[in-house]
C-alpha atoms as a PDB file:
ATOM      1  CA  MET A   1       6.051  -4.317   2.177  1.00  0.00           C
ATOM      2  CA  SER A   2       6.963  -2.208   5.293  1.00  0.00           C
ATOM      3  CA  PRO A   3       6.043   1.666   5.023  1.00  0.00           C
ATOM      4  CA  ALA A   4       9.122   2.715   6.446  1.00  0.00           C
ATOM      5  CA  LEU A   5      11.040   0.551   4.123  1.00  0.00           C
ATOM      6  CA  VAL A   6       9.238   1.734   1.109  1.00  0.00           C
ATOM      7  CA  ALA A   7       9.630   5.880   2.370  1.00  0.00           C
ATOM      8  CA  THR A   8      13.403   5.140   2.689  1.00  0.00           C
ATOM      9  CA  ALA A   9      13.707   3.641  -0.776  1.00  0.00           C
ATOM     10  CA  VAL A  10      11.485   6.881  -2.194  1.00  0.00           C
ATOM     11  CA  LEU A  11      14.008   9.223  -0.214  1.00  0.00           C
ATOM     12  CA  ALA A  12      17.212   7.252  -1.534  1.00  0.00           C
ATOM     13  CA  ALA A  13      15.335   7.483  -5.241  1.00  0.00           C
ATOM     14  CA  LEU A  14      14.856  11.366  -4.923  1.00  0.00           C
ATOM     15  CA  ILE A  15      18.262  12.077  -3.367  1.00  0.00           C
ATOM     16  CA  LEU A  16      19.868   9.899  -6.458  1.00  0.00           C
ATOM     17  CA  ALA A  17      17.606  12.142  -9.027  1.00  0.00           C
ATOM     18  CA  ILE A  18      18.907  15.408  -7.183  1.00  0.00           C
ATOM     19  CA  TRP A  19      22.517  13.973  -7.568  1.00  0.00           C
ATOM     20  CA  ILE A  20      21.833  12.956 -11.290  1.00  0.00           C
ATOM     21  CA  GLY A  21      20.357  16.613 -11.860  1.00  0.00           C
ATOM     22  CA  HIS A  22      23.767  18.075 -10.211  1.00  0.00           C
ATOM     23  CA  GLN A  23      25.865  16.126 -12.473  1.00  0.00           C
ATOM     24  CA  PHE A  24      24.243  16.809 -15.734  1.00  0.00           C
ATOM     25  CA  ARG A  25      24.221  20.773 -14.722  1.00  0.00           C
ATOM     26  CA  SER A  26      28.035  20.433 -14.122  1.00  0.00           C
ATOM     27  CA  LEU A  27      28.344  18.884 -17.670  1.00  0.00           C
ATOM     28  CA  LEU A  28      26.260  20.999 -19.289  1.00  0.00           C
ATOM     29  CA  PRO A  29      27.580  24.348 -21.016  1.00  0.00           C
ATOM     30  CA  ASP A  30      25.943  27.613 -19.653  1.00  0.00           C
ATOM     31  CA  ARG A  31      24.624  28.554 -22.911  1.00  0.00           C
ATOM     32  CA  ARG A  32      22.529  25.123 -22.528  1.00  0.00           C
ATOM     33  CA  LEU A  33      20.732  26.865 -19.483  1.00  0.00           C
ATOM     34  CA  ASN A  34      19.734  29.949 -20.554  1.00  0.00           C
ATOM     35  CA  GLU A  35      16.618  31.930 -19.483  1.00  0.00           C
ATOM     36  CA  GLU A  36      14.382  30.292 -22.204  1.00  0.00           C
ATOM     37  CA  THR A  37      15.730  26.887 -21.738  1.00  0.00           C
ATOM     38  CA  LYS A  38      14.845  27.172 -18.029  1.00  0.00           C
ATOM     39  CA  ASP A  39      11.287  28.579 -18.426  1.00  0.00           C
ATOM     40  CA  THR A  40      10.829  25.371 -20.831  1.00  0.00           C
ATOM     41  CA  VAL A  41      11.739  23.099 -18.247  1.00  0.00           C
ATOM     42  CA  LYS A  42       9.812  25.149 -15.339  1.00  0.00           C
ATOM     43  CA  LEU A  43       6.577  24.825 -17.312  1.00  0.00           C
ATOM     44  CA  THR A  44       7.050  21.265 -18.111  1.00  0.00           C
ATOM     45  CA  MET A  45       7.895  20.236 -14.548  1.00  0.00           C
ATOM     46  CA  GLY A  46       5.083  22.274 -13.580  1.00  0.00           C
ATOM     47  CA  LEU A  47       2.635  20.044 -15.654  1.00  0.00           C
ATOM     48  CA  ILE A  48       4.221  16.749 -14.296  1.00  0.00           C
ATOM     49  CA  GLY A  49       3.849  18.216 -10.690  1.00  0.00           C
ATOM     50  CA  THR A  50       0.202  18.733 -11.269  1.00  0.00           C
ATOM     51  CA  MET A  51      -0.317  15.358 -12.358  1.00  0.00           C
ATOM     52  CA  ALA A  52       1.612  13.847  -9.736  1.00  0.00           C
ATOM     53  CA  ALA A  53      -0.384  16.049  -7.247  1.00  0.00           C
ATOM     54  CA  LEU A  54      -3.253  14.962  -8.590  1.00  0.00           C
ATOM     55  CA  LEU A  55      -2.478  11.242  -8.602  1.00  0.00           C
ATOM     56  CA  LEU A  56      -1.145  11.573  -5.105  1.00  0.00           C
ATOM     57  CA  GLY A  57      -4.312  13.191  -3.935  1.00  0.00           C
ATOM     58  CA  LEU A  58      -6.232   9.957  -5.516  1.00  0.00           C
ATOM     59  CA  LEU A  59      -4.139   7.634  -3.483  1.00  0.00           C
ATOM     60  CA  VAL A  60      -4.500   9.664  -0.419  1.00  0.00           C
ATOM     61  CA  SER A  61      -8.504  10.008  -0.899  1.00  0.00           C
ATOM     62  CA  SER A  62      -8.717   6.084  -1.683  1.00  0.00           C
ATOM     63  CA  ALA A  63      -6.431   5.339   1.611  1.00  0.00           C
ATOM     64  CA  LYS A  64      -8.180   7.581   4.108  1.00  0.00           C
ATOM     65  CA  ALA A  65     -11.891   6.315   2.412  1.00  0.00           C
ATOM     66  CA  SER A  66     -10.641   2.615   2.957  1.00  0.00           C
ATOM     67  CA  TYR A  67      -9.585   4.034   6.996  1.00  0.00           C
ATOM     68  CA  ASP A  68     -12.714   5.646   7.535  1.00  0.00           C
ATOM     69  CA  ALA A  69     -14.769   2.500   6.322  1.00  0.00           C
ATOM     70  CA  GLU A  70     -13.272  -0.023   8.441  1.00  0.00           C
ATOM     71  CA  ARG A  71     -13.149   2.174  11.834  1.00  0.00           C
ATOM     72  CA  THR A  72     -16.934   2.904  11.154  1.00  0.00           C
ATOM     73  CA  GLN A  73     -17.319  -1.257  10.802  1.00  0.00           C
ATOM     74  CA  VAL A  74     -15.586  -1.310  14.113  1.00  0.00           C
ATOM     75  CA  THR A  75     -17.589   1.594  15.979  1.00  0.00           C
ATOM     76  CA  GLN A  76     -20.731  -0.234  14.639  1.00  0.00           C
ATOM     77  CA  MET A  77     -19.578  -3.886  16.062  1.00  0.00           C
ATOM     78  CA  THR A  78     -18.754  -1.917  19.489  1.00  0.00           C
ATOM     79  CA  ALA A  79     -22.396  -0.565  19.673  1.00  0.00           C
ATOM     80  CA  LYS A  80     -23.456  -3.995  18.539  1.00  0.00           C
ATOM     81  CA  ILE A  81     -21.896  -5.844  21.381  1.00  0.00           C
ATOM     82  CA  VAL A  82     -22.961  -3.103  23.739  1.00  0.00           C
ATOM     83  CA  PHE A  83     -26.633  -3.707  22.367  1.00  0.00           C
ATOM     84  CA  LEU A  84     -26.334  -7.372  22.695  1.00  0.00           C
ATOM     85  CA  ASN A  85     -24.979  -7.442  26.348  1.00  0.00           C
ATOM     86  CA  ARG A  86     -27.931  -5.281  27.227  1.00  0.00           C
ATOM     87  CA  VAL A  87     -30.550  -7.909  25.807  1.00  0.00           C
ATOM     88  CA  LEU A  88     -28.755 -10.735  27.327  1.00  0.00           C
ATOM     89  CA  ASN A  89     -28.944  -9.023  30.561  1.00  0.00           C
ATOM     90  CA  LEU A  90     -32.297  -8.279  30.173  1.00  0.00           C
ATOM     91  CA  TYR A  91     -32.971 -11.846  29.534  1.00  0.00           C
ATOM     92  CA  GLY A  92     -32.314 -13.003  32.756  1.00  0.00           C
ATOM     93  CA  PRO A  93     -29.644 -15.157  34.605  1.00  0.00           C
ATOM     94  CA  GLU A  94     -30.279 -17.999  32.211  1.00  0.00           C
ATOM     95  CA  SER A  95     -28.036 -16.078  29.932  1.00  0.00           C
ATOM     96  CA  LYS A  96     -25.118 -16.485  32.207  1.00  0.00           C
ATOM     97  CA  ASP A  97     -22.985 -18.847  30.155  1.00  0.00           C
ATOM     98  CA  THR A  98     -23.951 -16.958  27.098  1.00  0.00           C
ATOM     99  CA  ARG A  99     -22.364 -13.609  28.162  1.00  0.00           C
ATOM    100  CA  ARG A 100     -19.527 -15.719  29.268  1.00  0.00           C
ATOM    101  CA  GLN A 101     -18.754 -17.129  25.604  1.00  0.00           C
ATOM    102  CA  LEU A 102     -19.529 -13.485  24.348  1.00  0.00           C
ATOM    103  CA  ARG A 103     -17.104 -11.784  26.429  1.00  0.00           C
ATOM    104  CA  ALA A 104     -14.590 -14.821  25.797  1.00  0.00           C
ATOM    105  CA  SER A 105     -15.035 -14.760  21.976  1.00  0.00           C
ATOM    106  CA  MET A 106     -14.539 -10.389  22.118  1.00  0.00           C
ATOM    107  CA  GLU A 107     -11.267 -10.842  24.262  1.00  0.00           C
ATOM    108  CA  ASP A 108     -10.217 -13.257  21.392  1.00  0.00           C
ATOM    109  CA  ALA A 109     -11.123 -10.780  18.632  1.00  0.00           C
ATOM    110  CA  ILE A 110      -9.187  -7.951  20.401  1.00  0.00           C
ATOM    111  CA  GLU A 111      -6.235  -9.960  20.753  1.00  0.00           C
ATOM    112  CA  ARG A 112      -6.533 -10.715  17.285  1.00  0.00           C
ATOM    113  CA  LEU A 113      -6.786  -7.606  15.746  1.00  0.00           C
ATOM    114  CA  TRP A 114      -4.732  -5.641  18.457  1.00  0.00           C
ATOM    115  CA  PRO A 115      -1.936  -8.393  19.775  1.00  0.00           C
ATOM    116  CA  LYS A 116      -0.147  -7.353  22.622  1.00  0.00           C
ATOM    117  CA  ASP A 117       3.078  -8.183  21.041  1.00  0.00           C
ATOM    118  CA  THR A 118       3.982  -5.299  19.068  1.00  0.00           C
ATOM    119  CA  ASN A 119       6.003  -7.798  16.883  1.00  0.00           C
ATOM    120  CA  LYS A 120       2.768  -9.986  15.888  1.00  0.00           C
ATOM    121  CA  ALA A 121       0.814  -8.812  12.876  1.00  0.00           C
ATOM    122  CA  ALA A 122      -2.629  -8.084  13.361  1.00  0.00           C
ATOM    123  CA  ASP A 123      -5.100 -11.084  12.327  1.00  0.00           C
ATOM    124  CA  ILE A 124      -8.266 -10.035  10.650  1.00  0.00           C
ATOM    125  CA  THR A 125      -9.581 -13.221  10.260  1.00  0.00           C
ATOM    126  CA  PRO A 126     -12.357 -13.963  12.712  1.00  0.00           C
ATOM    127  CA  ASN A 127     -12.357 -17.228  15.233  1.00  0.00           C
ATOM    128  CA  ILE A 128     -15.327 -18.787  13.683  1.00  0.00           C
ATOM    129  CA  GLU A 129     -15.640 -21.291  16.314  1.00  0.00           C
ATOM    130  CA  ALA A 130     -16.097 -18.848  19.030  1.00  0.00           C
ATOM    131  CA  GLY A 131     -18.295 -16.801  17.095  1.00  0.00           C
ATOM    132  CA  ASP A 132     -20.512 -19.948  16.699  1.00  0.00           C
ATOM    133  CA  SER A 133     -20.393 -21.142  20.341  1.00  0.00           C
ATOM    134  CA  VAL A 134     -22.330 -17.676  21.068  1.00  0.00           C
ATOM    135  CA  TYR A 135     -24.831 -18.252  18.574  1.00  0.00           C
ATOM    136  CA  PHE A 136     -25.737 -21.687  19.456  1.00  0.00           C
ATOM    137  CA  SER A 137     -25.791 -20.678  23.181  1.00  0.00           C
ATOM    138  CA  ILE A 138     -28.546 -18.153  22.225  1.00  0.00           C
ATOM    139  CA  GLN A 139     -30.155 -20.755  20.402  1.00  0.00           C
ATOM    140  CA  LYS A 140     -30.318 -23.343  23.390  1.00  0.00           C
ATOM    141  CA  LEU A 141     -31.800 -20.690  25.574  1.00  0.00           C
ATOM    142  CA  ALA A 142     -35.683 -21.899  26.480  1.00  0.00           C
ATOM    143  CA  PRO A 143     -37.511 -18.574  26.682  1.00  0.00           C
ATOM    144  CA  ALA A 144     -39.943 -18.919  29.764  1.00  0.00           C
ATOM    145  CA  ASN A 145     -42.553 -16.173  28.716  1.00  0.00           C
ATOM    146  CA  GLU A 146     -43.059 -13.601  25.602  1.00  0.00           C
ATOM    147  CA  ILE A 147     -40.471 -11.306  26.985  1.00  0.00           C
ATOM    148  CA  GLN A 148     -37.743 -13.659  27.005  1.00  0.00           C
ATOM    149  CA  GLN A 149     -38.909 -14.847  23.747  1.00  0.00           C
ATOM    150  CA  LYS A 150     -38.842 -11.439  21.891  1.00  0.00           C
ATOM    151  CA  LEU A 151     -35.354 -10.965  23.476  1.00  0.00           C
ATOM    152  CA  LYS A 152     -34.028 -14.125  22.320  1.00  0.00           C
ATOM    153  CA  VAL A 153     -34.994 -12.948  18.653  1.00  0.00           C
ATOM    154  CA  VAL A 154     -33.462  -9.985  19.304  1.00  0.00           C
ATOM    155  CA  ALA A 155     -30.132 -11.282  20.201  1.00  0.00           C
ATOM    156  CA  GLU A 156     -30.124 -13.901  17.285  1.00  0.00           C
ATOM    157  CA  THR A 157     -30.671 -10.953  14.815  1.00  0.00           C
ATOM    158  CA  THR A 158     -27.797  -9.072  16.706  1.00  0.00           C
ATOM    159  CA  VAL A 159     -25.166 -12.049  16.423  1.00  0.00           C
ATOM    160  CA  ALA A 160     -26.154 -12.398  12.779  1.00  0.00           C
ATOM    161  CA  GLU A 161     -25.477  -8.557  12.246  1.00  0.00           C
ATOM    162  CA  LEU A 162     -22.325  -8.770  14.548  1.00  0.00           C
ATOM    163  CA  ALA A 163     -21.022 -11.731  11.915  1.00  0.00           C
ATOM    164  CA  GLN A 164     -21.968  -9.836   8.704  1.00  0.00           C
ATOM    165  CA  LEU A 165     -20.085  -6.743   9.926  1.00  0.00           C
ATOM    166  CA  ARG A 166     -17.084  -8.783  10.661  1.00  0.00           C
ATOM    167  CA  ALA A 167     -17.327 -10.212   7.205  1.00  0.00           C
ATOM    168  CA  VAL A 168     -17.532  -6.727   5.718  1.00  0.00           C
ATOM    169  CA  LEU A 169     -14.318  -5.863   7.670  1.00  0.00           C
ATOM    170  CA  ILE A 170     -12.571  -8.901   6.182  1.00  0.00           C
ATOM    171  CA  ALA A 171     -13.524  -7.761   2.923  1.00  0.00           C
ATOM    172  CA  GLN A 172     -12.326  -4.223   3.407  1.00  0.00           C
ATOM    173  CA  ALA A 173      -8.957  -5.416   4.651  1.00  0.00           C
ATOM    174  CA  GLU A 174      -7.712  -5.474   1.169  1.00  0.00           C
ATOM    175  CA  THR A 175      -4.823  -2.826   0.019  1.00  0.00           C
ATOM    176  CA  SER A 176      -6.631   0.499  -1.387  1.00  0.00           C
ATOM    177  CA  ILE A 177      -3.202   1.467  -2.761  1.00  0.00           C
ATOM    178  CA  SER A 178      -2.517   0.582  -6.158  1.00  0.00           C
ATOM    179  CA  PRO A 179       1.221  -0.350  -6.703  1.00  0.00           C
ATOM    180  CA  PRO A 180       1.343   0.443 -10.317  1.00  0.00           C
ATOM    181  CA  LEU A 181      -0.016   4.061  -9.396  1.00  0.00           C
ATOM    182  CA  LEU A 182       2.358   4.459  -6.507  1.00  0.00           C
ATOM    183  CA  ILE A 183       5.112   3.518  -8.825  1.00  0.00           C
ATOM    184  CA  VAL A 184       4.048   6.100 -11.445  1.00  0.00           C
ATOM    185  CA  VAL A 185       3.876   8.933  -8.859  1.00  0.00           C
ATOM    186  CA  VAL A 186       7.328   7.857  -7.443  1.00  0.00           C
ATOM    187  CA  SER A 187       8.822   8.217 -11.008  1.00  0.00           C
ATOM    188  CA  TRP A 188       6.928  11.124 -11.723  1.00  0.00           C
ATOM    189  CA  LEU A 189       8.760  12.964  -8.429  1.00  0.00           C
ATOM    190  CA  PHE A 190      11.795  11.494  -9.467  1.00  0.00           C
ATOM    191  CA  ILE A 191      12.166  13.346 -12.755  1.00  0.00           C
ATOM    192  CA  ILE A 192      10.869  16.445 -10.929  1.00  0.00           C
ATOM    193  CA  PHE A 193      13.853  16.324  -8.515  1.00  0.00           C
ATOM    194  CA  ALA A 194      15.903  15.918 -10.990  1.00  0.00           C
ATOM    195  CA  SER A 195      14.644  18.910 -13.016  1.00  0.00           C
ATOM    196  CA  PHE A 196      14.716  21.059  -9.797  1.00  0.00           C
ATOM    197  CA  SER A 197      18.427  19.801  -8.926  1.00  0.00           C
ATOM    198  CA  LEU A 198      19.467  20.581 -12.569  1.00  0.00           C
ATOM    199  CA  LEU A 199      18.090  24.371 -12.307  1.00  0.00           C
ATOM    200  CA  ALA A 200      18.984  24.937  -8.752  1.00  0.00           C
ATOM    201  CA  PRO A 201      22.340  26.899  -8.040  1.00  0.00           C
ATOM    202  CA  PRO A 202      25.252  24.538  -6.829  1.00  0.00           C
ATOM    203  CA  ASN A 203      25.227  25.981  -3.072  1.00  0.00           C
ATOM    204  CA  ALA A 204      24.631  24.428   0.159  1.00  0.00           C
ATOM    205  CA  ILE A 205      21.309  26.299   0.890  1.00  0.00           C
ATOM    206  CA  ALA A 206      20.051  24.847  -2.207  1.00  0.00           C
ATOM    207  CA  ASN A 207      21.105  21.578  -1.692  1.00  0.00           C
ATOM    208  CA  ILE A 208      19.712  21.625   1.521  1.00  0.00           C
ATOM    209  CA  SER A 209      16.241  22.796   0.353  1.00  0.00           C
ATOM    210  CA  LEU A 210      16.028  20.025  -2.101  1.00  0.00           C
ATOM    211  CA  PHE A 211      17.058  17.547   0.651  1.00  0.00           C
ATOM    212  CA  ILE A 212      14.354  18.800   2.977  1.00  0.00           C
ATOM    213  CA  SER A 213      11.575  18.615   0.278  1.00  0.00           C
ATOM    214  CA  SER A 214      12.517  14.992  -0.536  1.00  0.00           C
ATOM    215  CA  LEU A 215      12.466  14.385   3.114  1.00  0.00           C
ATOM    216  CA  ALA A 216       8.970  15.817   3.562  1.00  0.00           C
ATOM    217  CA  VAL A 217       7.605  13.704   0.337  1.00  0.00           C
ATOM    218  CA  ALA A 218       8.940  10.316   1.602  1.00  0.00           C
ATOM    219  CA  GLY A 219       7.080  11.014   4.867  1.00  0.00           C
ATOM    220  CA  ALA A 220       3.839  11.787   3.179  1.00  0.00           C
ATOM    221  CA  ILE A 221       4.431   8.305   1.167  1.00  0.00           C
ATOM    222  CA  PHE A 222       5.130   6.719   4.425  1.00  0.00           C
ATOM    223  CA  LEU A 223       1.814   8.270   6.220  1.00  0.00           C
ATOM    224  CA  LEU A 224       0.117   7.166   2.996  1.00  0.00           C
ATOM    225  CA  LEU A 225       1.049   3.609   3.334  1.00  0.00           C
ATOM    226  CA  GLU A 226       0.441   3.823   7.399  1.00  0.00           C
ATOM    227  CA  LEU A 227      -3.099   4.761   6.565  1.00  0.00           C
ATOM    228  CA  ASP A 228      -3.764   1.796   4.447  1.00  0.00           C
ATOM    229  CA  ARG A 229      -2.816  -0.607   7.355  1.00  0.00           C
ATOM    230  CA  PRO A 230      -5.679   0.598   9.946  1.00  0.00           C
ATOM    231  CA  PHE A 231      -4.993  -2.280  12.390  1.00  0.00           C
ATOM    232  CA  GLU A 232      -1.063  -1.888  12.398  1.00  0.00           C
ATOM    233  CA  GLY A 233       1.243   0.967  12.538  1.00  0.00           C
ATOM    234  CA  LEU A 234       1.293   4.366  13.942  1.00  0.00           C
ATOM    235  CA  ILE A 235      -2.042   5.417  12.854  1.00  0.00           C
ATOM    236  CA  ARG A 236      -3.963   2.148  13.301  1.00  0.00           C
ATOM    237  CA  ILE A 237      -7.693   1.995  14.418  1.00  0.00           C
ATOM    238  CA  PRO A 238      -7.599   2.401  18.246  1.00  0.00           C
ATOM    239  CA  SER A 239      -8.924  -0.668  20.576  1.00  0.00           C
ATOM    240  CA  ARG A 240     -10.074   1.170  23.404  1.00  0.00           C
ATOM    241  CA  GLU A 241     -13.741   1.253  22.543  1.00  0.00           C
ATOM    242  CA  MET A 242     -14.059  -2.379  21.815  1.00  0.00           C
ATOM    243  CA  ALA A 243     -12.130  -3.320  25.052  1.00  0.00           C
ATOM    244  CA  LYS A 244     -14.388  -1.020  26.929  1.00  0.00           C
ATOM    245  CA  ALA A 245     -17.666  -2.588  25.553  1.00  0.00           C
ATOM    246  CA  THR A 246     -16.087  -5.731  26.060  1.00  0.00           C
ATOM    247  CA  ASN A 247     -15.474  -4.812  29.969  1.00  0.00           C
ATOM    248  CA  GLN A 248     -18.711  -4.448  30.456  1.00  0.00           C
ATOM    249  CA  ILE A 249     -19.818  -7.908  29.373  1.00  0.00           C
ATOM    250  CA  THR A 250     -20.419  -9.511  33.073  1.00  0.00           C
ATOM    251  CA  SER A 251     -21.464 -13.112  33.529  1.00  0.00           C
END
């Protein structure tokens, strides 16, 4: 589901909670909202607020760890590509076709992960045929001396490591945010905002403060969900490093 849509739903839910709190306040007699009652509600909401903060922090930590892990994988893949290109260059002009296939494979991967069409979703699945073509092209190289033999072994190993890194990237692509945990957090926030509205004085300043708070919470949920989509949205992993590495591959 779109992070913007979820954040809008959260904002609407919190505004509804504020409205419900106002309605209850208008129905309750003043003697029901004495200082002792208010203190009890504040203590209860403080407990719920603490639990909500802890759970929200857990979700942020999980999403950030997942984002950092996938960015690390992309960085490692970029370094491997640069290294493989260097090895093939050292091998000699015989690796011209291999370098050409490597570049084509990386351009395809960049287009899949970072499509130029903003309306198109990122495709994390690899192009197996393109990857296999690079591997088999290296296999076809016929070393003429011991140096080329060693370089061929290094190139084969590097291609295998690239495939492993891509497999790990796919495995880590699953969402790190548990929907039940997110629902629980939003439910607790709903209760908290309803209690805030119940205790708040019925004036414009209080209402504006509550609205700004609900907007901030919805924004936090939006950023949290954006962080969980490392190849899409506003906080996606940049493609410039891998694009720069690909441009270094000459045929």
